Every structure is written in structure tokens, then in C-alpha cells.
């Protein structure tokens, strides 16, 4: 069963943030560029590099989706500054 957003917020895994359309646009632009570069890497035989860029593209596009809804995940293992 998938936890609801409110449950994730209560647990501290997700937090509400102001929607930042510029950040969403930047992340999506970066994701699209990563996919273009990954495609070129794949054609050039760099499978590991293409995979890494495709993974980063997916991560950035999902982050953009969450931010577009006013949500941000709180990464595990990050040190607080």
C-alpha cells in the first residue's frame, strides 16, 4: 500500500515548499538535455554514461513534478549544515 502524501509529510520524508516555476522549468530543461546527451552516448557505445544520464534525467523530472505540486523530498543521509 502506498503511503499518502500527508503520511509522508508527517513522517518527515516530504515537506511542503512554495512552488517555484523557474526551478521546475530549469530541472525539466536539464532533464531533456541529459536525455539528448544520453542518446548520443548510447549511439557512441558509452552504455554506462548513457545510463547515468538517463537516471539523472528521470531523477530531475520527478523532482520537478514534486516541486510543481509544492512538495520536496527530504533526502536520507544528508548532513545538515
PDB file of N, CA and C in Angstrom:
ATOM      1  N   UNK A   1       0.835  -1.184   0.000  1.00  0.00           N
ATOM      2  CA  UNK A   1       0.000   0.000   0.000  1.00  0.00           C
ATOM      3  C   UNK A   1       0.881   1.249   0.000  1.00  0.00           C
ATOM      4  N   UNK A   2       0.573   2.191  -0.863  1.00  0.00           N
ATOM      5  CA  UNK A   2       1.347   3.425  -0.975  1.00  0.00           C
ATOM      6  C   UNK A   2       0.929   4.402   0.130  1.00  0.00           C
ATOM      7  N   UNK A   3       1.926   4.962   0.828  1.00  0.00           N
ATOM      8  CA  UNK A   3       1.578   5.966   1.827  1.00  0.00           C
ATOM      9  C   UNK A   3       1.055   7.233   1.153  1.00  0.00           C
ATOM     10  N   UNK A   4       0.124   7.865   1.802  1.00  0.00           N
ATOM     11  CA  UNK A   4      -0.417   9.106   1.286  1.00  0.00           C
ATOM     12  C   UNK A   4       0.572  10.238   1.538  1.00  0.00           C
ATOM     13  N   UNK A   5       0.443  11.307   0.765  1.00  0.00           N
ATOM     14  CA  UNK A   5       1.346  12.454   0.898  1.00  0.00           C
ATOM     15  C   UNK A   5       1.331  12.984   2.329  1.00  0.00           C
ATOM     16  N   UNK A   6       0.156  13.096   2.921  1.00  0.00           N
ATOM     17  CA  UNK A   6       0.067  13.600   4.300  1.00  0.00           C
ATOM     18  C   UNK A   6       0.851  12.711   5.262  1.00  0.00           C
ATOM     19  N   UNK A   7       0.807  11.404   5.044  1.00  0.00           N
ATOM     20  CA  UNK A   7       1.575  10.487   5.893  1.00  0.00           C
ATOM     21  C   UNK A   7       3.072  10.708   5.711  1.00  0.00           C
ATOM     22  N   UNK A   8       3.511  10.920   4.466  1.00  0.00           N
ATOM     23  CA  UNK A   8       4.926  11.164   4.206  1.00  0.00           C
ATOM     24  C   UNK A   8       5.387  12.474   4.844  1.00  0.00           C
ATOM     25  N   UNK A   9       4.515  13.473   4.830  1.00  0.00           N
ATOM     26  CA  UNK A   9       4.843  14.752   5.473  1.00  0.00           C
ATOM     27  C   UNK A   9       4.952  14.559   6.981  1.00  0.00           C
ATOM     28  N   UNK A  10       4.007  13.854   7.550  1.00  0.00           N
ATOM     29  CA  UNK A  10       4.038  13.589   8.998  1.00  0.00           C
ATOM     30  C   UNK A  10       5.302  12.836   9.410  1.00  0.00           C
ATOM     31  N   UNK A  11       5.729  11.905   8.568  1.00  0.00           N
ATOM     32  CA  UNK A  11       6.936  11.119   8.863  1.00  0.00           C
ATOM     33  C   UNK A  11       8.220  11.913   8.638  1.00  0.00           C
ATOM     34  N   UNK A  12       8.100  13.051   7.967  1.00  0.00           N
ATOM     35  CA  UNK A  12       9.275  13.867   7.695  1.00  0.00           C
ATOM     36  C   UNK A  12      10.016  13.498   6.422  1.00  0.00           C
ATOM     37  N   UNK A  13       9.436  12.635   5.597  1.00  0.00           N
ATOM     38  CA  UNK A  13      10.081  12.250   4.339  1.00  0.00           C
ATOM     39  C   UNK A  13       9.867  13.282   3.239  1.00  0.00           C
ATOM     40  N   UNK A  14       8.777  14.025   3.353  1.00  0.00           N
ATOM     41  CA  UNK A  14       8.397  15.035   2.360  1.00  0.00           C
ATOM     42  C   UNK A  14       8.032  16.302   3.115  1.00  0.00           C
ATOM     43  N   UNK A  15       8.347  17.444   2.520  1.00  0.00           N
ATOM     44  CA  UNK A  15       7.943  18.708   3.133  1.00  0.00           C
ATOM     45  C   UNK A  15       7.266  19.583   2.096  1.00  0.00           C
ATOM     46  N   UNK A  16       6.388  20.438   2.559  1.00  0.00           N
ATOM     47  CA  UNK A  16       5.721  21.396   1.677  1.00  0.00           C
ATOM     48  C   UNK A  16       6.635  22.597   1.492  1.00  0.00           C
ATOM     49  N   UNK A  17       6.711  23.064   0.248  1.00  0.00           N
ATOM     50  CA  UNK A  17       7.526  24.226  -0.093  1.00  0.00           C
ATOM     51  C   UNK A  17       6.733  25.103  -1.061  1.00  0.00           C
ATOM     52  N   UNK A  18       7.104  26.383  -1.155  1.00  0.00           N
ATOM     53  CA  UNK A  18       6.444  27.224  -2.163  1.00  0.00           C
ATOM     54  C   UNK A  18       6.752  26.697  -3.566  1.00  0.00           C
ATOM     55  N   UNK A  19       5.788  26.803  -4.459  1.00  0.00           N
ATOM     56  CA  UNK A  19       6.004  26.375  -5.836  1.00  0.00           C
ATOM     57  C   UNK A  19       6.928  27.379  -6.510  1.00  0.00           C
ATOM     58  N   UNK A  20       7.978  26.874  -7.136  1.00  0.00           N
ATOM     59  CA  UNK A  20       8.962  27.701  -7.816  1.00  0.00           C
ATOM     60  C   UNK A  20       8.995  27.284  -9.283  1.00  0.00           C
ATOM     61  N   UNK A  21       8.217  27.997 -10.105  1.00  0.00           N
ATOM     62  CA  UNK A  21       8.089  27.633 -11.519  1.00  0.00           C
ATOM     63  C   UNK A  21       9.423  27.699 -12.243  1.00  0.00           C
ATOM     64  N   UNK A  22      10.281  28.631 -11.865  1.00  0.00           N
ATOM     65  CA  UNK A  22      11.589  28.728 -12.525  1.00  0.00           C
ATOM     66  C   UNK A  22      12.439  27.497 -12.236  1.00  0.00           C
ATOM     67  N   UNK A  23      12.391  27.014 -11.006  1.00  0.00           N
ATOM     68  CA  UNK A  23      13.153  25.805 -10.661  1.00  0.00           C
ATOM     69  C   UNK A  23      12.615  24.596 -11.416  1.00  0.00           C
ATOM     70  N   UNK A  24      11.296  24.510 -11.538  1.00  0.00           N
ATOM     71  CA  UNK A  24      10.674  23.402 -12.276  1.00  0.00           C
ATOM     72  C   UNK A  24      11.121  23.440 -13.737  1.00  0.00           C
ATOM     73  N   UNK A  25      11.073  24.617 -14.331  1.00  0.00           N
ATOM     74  CA  UNK A  25      11.483  24.768 -15.733  1.00  0.00           C
ATOM     75  C   UNK A  25      12.951  24.406 -15.917  1.00  0.00           C
ATOM     76  N   UNK A  26      13.806  24.868 -15.008  1.00  0.00           N
ATOM     77  CA  UNK A  26      15.237  24.574 -15.095  1.00  0.00           C
ATOM     78  C   UNK A  26      15.500  23.071 -14.998  1.00  0.00           C
ATOM     79  N   UNK A  27      14.835  22.422 -14.039  1.00  0.00           N
ATOM     80  CA  UNK A  27      15.023  20.980 -13.874  1.00  0.00           C
ATOM     81  C   UNK A  27      14.572  20.214 -15.113  1.00  0.00           C
ATOM     82  N   UNK A  28      13.453  20.611 -15.692  1.00  0.00           N
ATOM     83  CA  UNK A  28      12.960  19.921 -16.885  1.00  0.00           C
ATOM     84  C   UNK A  28      13.876  20.167 -18.082  1.00  0.00           C
ATOM     85  N   UNK A  29      14.400  21.378 -18.195  1.00  0.00           N
ATOM     86  CA  UNK A  29      15.339  21.679 -19.277  1.00  0.00           C
ATOM     87  C   UNK A  29      16.605  20.832 -19.116  1.00  0.00           C
ATOM     88  N   UNK A  30      17.110  20.747 -17.887  1.00  0.00           N
ATOM     89  CA  UNK A  30      18.281  19.906 -17.613  1.00  0.00           C
ATOM     90  C   UNK A  30      18.000  18.438 -17.948  1.00  0.00           C
ATOM     91  N   UNK A  31      16.816  17.960 -17.560  1.00  0.00           N
ATOM     92  CA  UNK A  31      16.452  16.558 -17.820  1.00  0.00           C
ATOM     93  C   UNK A  31      16.420  16.277 -19.317  1.00  0.00           C
ATOM     94  N   UNK A  32      15.842  17.192 -20.079  1.00  0.00           N
ATOM     95  CA  UNK A  32      15.781  16.996 -21.531  1.00  0.00           C
ATOM     96  C   UNK A  32      17.183  16.999 -22.141  1.00  0.00           C
ATOM     97  N   UNK A  33      18.046  17.882 -21.655  1.00  0.00           N
ATOM     98  CA  UNK A  33      19.426  17.917 -22.150  1.00  0.00           C
ATOM     99  C   UNK A  33      20.147  16.609 -21.818  1.00  0.00           C
ATOM    100  N   UNK A  34      19.922  16.104 -20.610  1.00  0.00           N
ATOM    101  CA  UNK A  34      20.532  14.823 -20.221  1.00  0.00           C
ATOM    102  C   UNK A  34      20.079  13.691 -21.151  1.00  0.00           C
ATOM    103  N   UNK A  35      18.796  13.698 -21.506  1.00  0.00           N
ATOM    104  CA  UNK A  35      18.302  12.649 -22.406  1.00  0.00           C
ATOM    105  C   UNK A  35      18.935  12.761 -23.794  1.00  0.00           C
ATOM    106  N   UNK A  36      19.085  13.988 -24.284  1.00  0.00           N
ATOM    107  CA  UNK A  36      19.741  14.178 -25.581  1.00  0.00           C
ATOM    108  C   UNK A  36      21.177  13.666 -25.538  1.00  0.00           C
ATOM    109  N   UNK A  37      21.888  14.010 -24.471  1.00  0.00           N
ATOM    110  CA  UNK A  37      23.278  13.592 -24.332  1.00  0.00           C
ATOM    111  C   UNK A  37      23.373  12.079 -24.123  1.00  0.00           C
ATOM    112  N   UNK A  38      22.434  11.521 -23.366  1.00  0.00           N
ATOM    113  CA  UNK A  38      22.414  10.072 -23.155  1.00  0.00           C
ATOM    114  C   UNK A  38      22.222   9.337 -24.477  1.00  0.00           C
ATOM    115  N   UNK A  39      21.356   9.872 -25.314  1.00  0.00           N
ATOM    116  CA  UNK A  39      21.116   9.257 -26.619  1.00  0.00           C
ATOM    117  C   UNK A  39      22.392   9.256 -27.458  1.00  0.00           C
ATOM    118  N   UNK A  40      23.112  10.378 -27.433  1.00  0.00           N
ATOM    119  CA  UNK A  40      24.374  10.452 -28.173  1.00  0.00           C
ATOM    120  C   UNK A  40      25.392   9.477 -27.589  1.00  0.00           C
ATOM    121  N   UNK A  41      25.428   9.376 -26.265  1.00  0.00           N
ATOM    122  CA  UNK A  41      26.351   8.437 -25.626  1.00  0.00           C
ATOM    123  C   UNK A  41      26.029   6.999 -25.980  1.00  0.00           C
ATOM    124  N   UNK A  42      24.751   6.693 -26.041  1.00  0.00           N
ATOM    125  CA  UNK A  42      24.334   5.339 -26.402  1.00  0.00           C
ATOM    126  C   UNK A  42      24.768   5.012 -27.826  1.00  0.00           C
ATOM    127  N   UNK A  43      24.560   5.954 -28.731  1.00  0.00           N
ATOM    128  CA  UNK A  43      24.979   5.742 -30.126  1.00  0.00           C
ATOM    129  C   UNK A  43      26.489   5.591 -30.232  1.00  0.00           C
ATOM    130  N   UNK A  44      27.227   6.260 -29.329  1.00  0.00           N
ATOM    131  CA  UNK A  44      28.682   6.181 -29.348  1.00  0.00           C
ATOM    132  C   UNK A  44      29.238   5.000 -28.586  1.00  0.00           C
ATOM    133  N   UNK A  45      28.353   4.192 -27.998  1.00  0.00           N
ATOM    134  CA  UNK A  45      28.795   2.990 -27.301  1.00  0.00           C
ATOM    135  C   UNK A  45      29.091   3.172 -25.823  1.00  0.00           C
ATOM    136  N   UNK A  46      28.803   4.351 -25.262  1.00  0.00           N
ATOM    137  CA  UNK A  46      29.047   4.590 -23.842  1.00  0.00           C
ATOM    138  C   UNK A  46      27.782   4.224 -23.054  1.00  0.00           C
ATOM    139  N   UNK A  47      27.591   2.927 -22.837  1.00  0.00           N
ATOM    140  CA  UNK A  47      26.363   2.463 -22.181  1.00  0.00           C
ATOM    141  C   UNK A  47      26.272   2.944 -20.741  1.00  0.00           C
ATOM    142  N   UNK A  48      27.377   2.892 -20.002  1.00  0.00           N
ATOM    143  CA  UNK A  48      27.351   3.321 -18.598  1.00  0.00           C
ATOM    144  C   UNK A  48      27.061   4.806 -18.483  1.00  0.00           C
ATOM    145  N   UNK A  49      27.686   5.607 -19.327  1.00  0.00           N
ATOM    146  CA  UNK A  49      27.446   7.048 -19.305  1.00  0.00           C
ATOM    147  C   UNK A  49      26.019   7.381 -19.706  1.00  0.00           C
ATOM    148  N   UNK A  50      25.504   6.696 -20.720  1.00  0.00           N
ATOM    149  CA  UNK A  50      24.130   6.923 -21.164  1.00  0.00           C
ATOM    150  C   UNK A  50      23.140   6.558 -20.057  1.00  0.00           C
ATOM    151  N   UNK A  51      23.406   5.453 -19.371  1.00  0.00           N
ATOM    152  CA  UNK A  51      22.535   5.042 -18.274  1.00  0.00           C
ATOM    153  C   UNK A  51      22.537   6.089 -17.160  1.00  0.00           C
ATOM    154  N   UNK A  52      23.718   6.567 -16.796  1.00  0.00           N
ATOM    155  CA  UNK A  52      23.821   7.558 -15.714  1.00  0.00           C
ATOM    156  C   UNK A  52      23.065   8.833 -16.067  1.00  0.00           C
ATOM    157  N   UNK A  53      23.215   9.292 -17.291  1.00  0.00           N
ATOM    158  CA  UNK A  53      22.500  10.500 -17.704  1.00  0.00           C
ATOM    159  C   UNK A  53      20.995  10.269 -17.756  1.00  0.00           C
ATOM    160  N   UNK A  54      20.573   9.106 -18.216  1.00  0.00           N
ATOM    161  CA  UNK A  54      19.139   8.803 -18.243  1.00  0.00           C
ATOM    162  C   UNK A  54      18.579   8.741 -16.819  1.00  0.00           C
ATOM    163  N   UNK A  55      19.347   8.168 -15.902  1.00  0.00           N
ATOM    164  CA  UNK A  55      18.934   8.116 -14.500  1.00  0.00           C
ATOM    165  C   UNK A  55      18.792   9.528 -13.939  1.00  0.00           C
ATOM    166  N   UNK A  56      19.784  10.378 -14.206  1.00  0.00           N
ATOM    167  CA  UNK A  56      19.719  11.759 -13.731  1.00  0.00           C
ATOM    168  C   UNK A  56      18.530  12.502 -14.338  1.00  0.00           C
ATOM    169  N   UNK A  57      18.229  12.222 -15.596  1.00  0.00           N
ATOM    170  CA  UNK A  57      17.072  12.843 -16.242  1.00  0.00           C
ATOM    171  C   UNK A  57      15.781  12.434 -15.538  1.00  0.00           C
ATOM    172  N   UNK A  58      15.659  11.169 -15.208  1.00  0.00           N
ATOM    173  CA  UNK A  58      14.464  10.694 -14.503  1.00  0.00           C
ATOM    174  C   UNK A  58      14.365  11.332 -13.119  1.00  0.00           C
ATOM    175  N   UNK A  59      15.483  11.385 -12.413  1.00  0.00           N
ATOM    176  CA  UNK A  59      15.500  11.982 -11.074  1.00  0.00           C
ATOM    177  C   UNK A  59      15.105  13.458 -11.125  1.00  0.00           C
ATOM    178  N   UNK A  60      15.652  14.188 -12.075  1.00  0.00           N
ATOM    179  CA  UNK A  60      15.345  15.614 -12.171  1.00  0.00           C
ATOM    180  C   UNK A  60      13.906  15.855 -12.594  1.00  0.00           C
ATOM    181  N   UNK A  61      13.382  15.033 -13.500  1.00  0.00           N
ATOM    182  CA  UNK A  61      12.000  15.236 -13.917  1.00  0.00           C
ATOM    183  C   UNK A  61      11.025  14.892 -12.791  1.00  0.00           C
ATOM    184  N   UNK A  62      11.338  13.879 -11.989  1.00  0.00           N
ATOM    185  CA  UNK A  62      10.469  13.553 -10.845  1.00  0.00           C
ATOM    186  C   UNK A  62      10.569  14.624  -9.754  1.00  0.00           C
ATOM    187  N   UNK A  63      11.760  15.177  -9.575  1.00  0.00           N
ATOM    188  CA  UNK A  63      11.913  16.286  -8.631  1.00  0.00           C
ATOM    189  C   UNK A  63      11.097  17.482  -9.105  1.00  0.00           C
ATOM    190  N   UNK A  64      11.139  17.762 -10.400  1.00  0.00           N
ATOM    191  CA  UNK A  64      10.353  18.861 -10.961  1.00  0.00           C
ATOM    192  C   UNK A  64       8.864  18.629 -10.758  1.00  0.00           C
ATOM    193  N   UNK A  65       8.412  17.406 -10.947  1.00  0.00           N
ATOM    194  CA  UNK A  65       6.998  17.086 -10.730  1.00  0.00           C
ATOM    195  C   UNK A  65       6.595  17.370  -9.291  1.00  0.00           C
ATOM    196  N   UNK A  66       7.407  16.915  -8.344  1.00  0.00           N
ATOM    197  CA  UNK A  66       7.097  17.162  -6.931  1.00  0.00           C
ATOM    198  C   UNK A  66       7.090  18.655  -6.630  1.00  0.00           C
ATOM    199  N   UNK A  67       8.100  19.378  -7.124  1.00  0.00           N
ATOM    200  CA  UNK A  67       8.162  20.822  -6.870  1.00  0.00           C
ATOM    201  C   UNK A  67       6.989  21.558  -7.490  1.00  0.00           C
ATOM    202  N   UNK A  68       6.520  21.075  -8.627  1.00  0.00           N
ATOM    203  CA  UNK A  68       5.371  21.718  -9.277  1.00  0.00           C
ATOM    204  C   UNK A  68       4.096  21.558  -8.452  1.00  0.00           C
ATOM    205  N   UNK A  69       4.123  20.624  -7.513  1.00  0.00           N
ATOM    206  CA  UNK A  69       2.989  20.405  -6.602  1.00  0.00           C
ATOM    207  C   UNK A  69       3.261  20.974  -5.210  1.00  0.00           C
ATOM    208  N   UNK A  70       4.391  21.677  -5.071  1.00  0.00           N
ATOM    209  CA  UNK A  70       4.735  22.280  -3.783  1.00  0.00           C
ATOM    210  C   UNK A  70       5.275  21.287  -2.778  1.00  0.00           C
ATOM    211  N   UNK A  71       5.940  20.247  -3.269  1.00  0.00           N
ATOM    212  CA  UNK A  71       6.487  19.211  -2.397  1.00  0.00           C
ATOM    213  C   UNK A  71       7.969  19.027  -2.670  1.00  0.00           C
ATOM    214  N   UNK A  72       8.705  18.682  -1.632  1.00  0.00           N
ATOM    215  CA  UNK A  72      10.130  18.367  -1.786  1.00  0.00           C
ATOM    216  C   UNK A  72      10.447  17.200  -0.878  1.00  0.00           C
ATOM    217  N   UNK A  73      11.172  16.223  -1.438  1.00  0.00           N
ATOM    218  CA  UNK A  73      11.581  15.091  -0.608  1.00  0.00           C
ATOM    219  C   UNK A  73      12.771  15.503   0.236  1.00  0.00           C
ATOM    220  N   UNK A  74      12.857  14.904   1.395  1.00  0.00           N
ATOM    221  CA  UNK A  74      13.985  15.145   2.274  1.00  0.00           C
ATOM    222  C   UNK A  74      14.892  13.935   2.164  1.00  0.00           C
ATOM    223  N   UNK A  75      16.058  14.135   1.557  1.00  0.00           N
ATOM    224  CA  UNK A  75      16.977  13.045   1.297  1.00  0.00           C
ATOM    225  C   UNK A  75      17.519  12.440   2.577  1.00  0.00           C
ATOM    226  N   UNK A  76      17.659  11.143   2.570  1.00  0.00           N
ATOM    227  CA  UNK A  76      18.253  10.421   3.706  1.00  0.00           C
ATOM    228  C   UNK A  76      19.761  10.487   3.580  1.00  0.00           C
ATOM    229  N   UNK A  77      20.424  10.567   4.712  1.00  0.00           N
ATOM    230  CA  UNK A  77      21.864  10.514   4.725  1.00  0.00           C
ATOM    231  C   UNK A  77      22.555  11.840   4.459  1.00  0.00           C
ATOM    232  N   UNK A  78      21.804  12.891   4.240  1.00  0.00           N
ATOM    233  CA  UNK A  78      22.424  14.196   4.045  1.00  0.00           C
ATOM    234  C   UNK A  78      22.850  14.770   5.390  1.00  0.00           C
ATOM    235  N   UNK A  79      23.971  15.413   5.387  1.00  0.00           N
ATOM    236  CA  UNK A  79      24.408  16.074   6.617  1.00  0.00           C
ATOM    237  C   UNK A  79      23.831  17.476   6.633  1.00  0.00           C
ATOM    238  N   UNK A  80      23.357  17.868   7.787  1.00  0.00           N
ATOM    239  CA  UNK A  80      22.815  19.210   7.967  1.00  0.00           C
ATOM    240  C   UNK A  80      23.956  20.203   8.094  1.00  0.00           C
ATOM    241  N   UNK A  81      23.817  21.353   7.488  1.00  0.00           N
ATOM    242  CA  UNK A  81      24.835  22.407   7.590  1.00  0.00           C
ATOM    243  C   UNK A  81      24.303  23.555   8.390  1.00  0.00           C
TER     244      UNK A  81
END
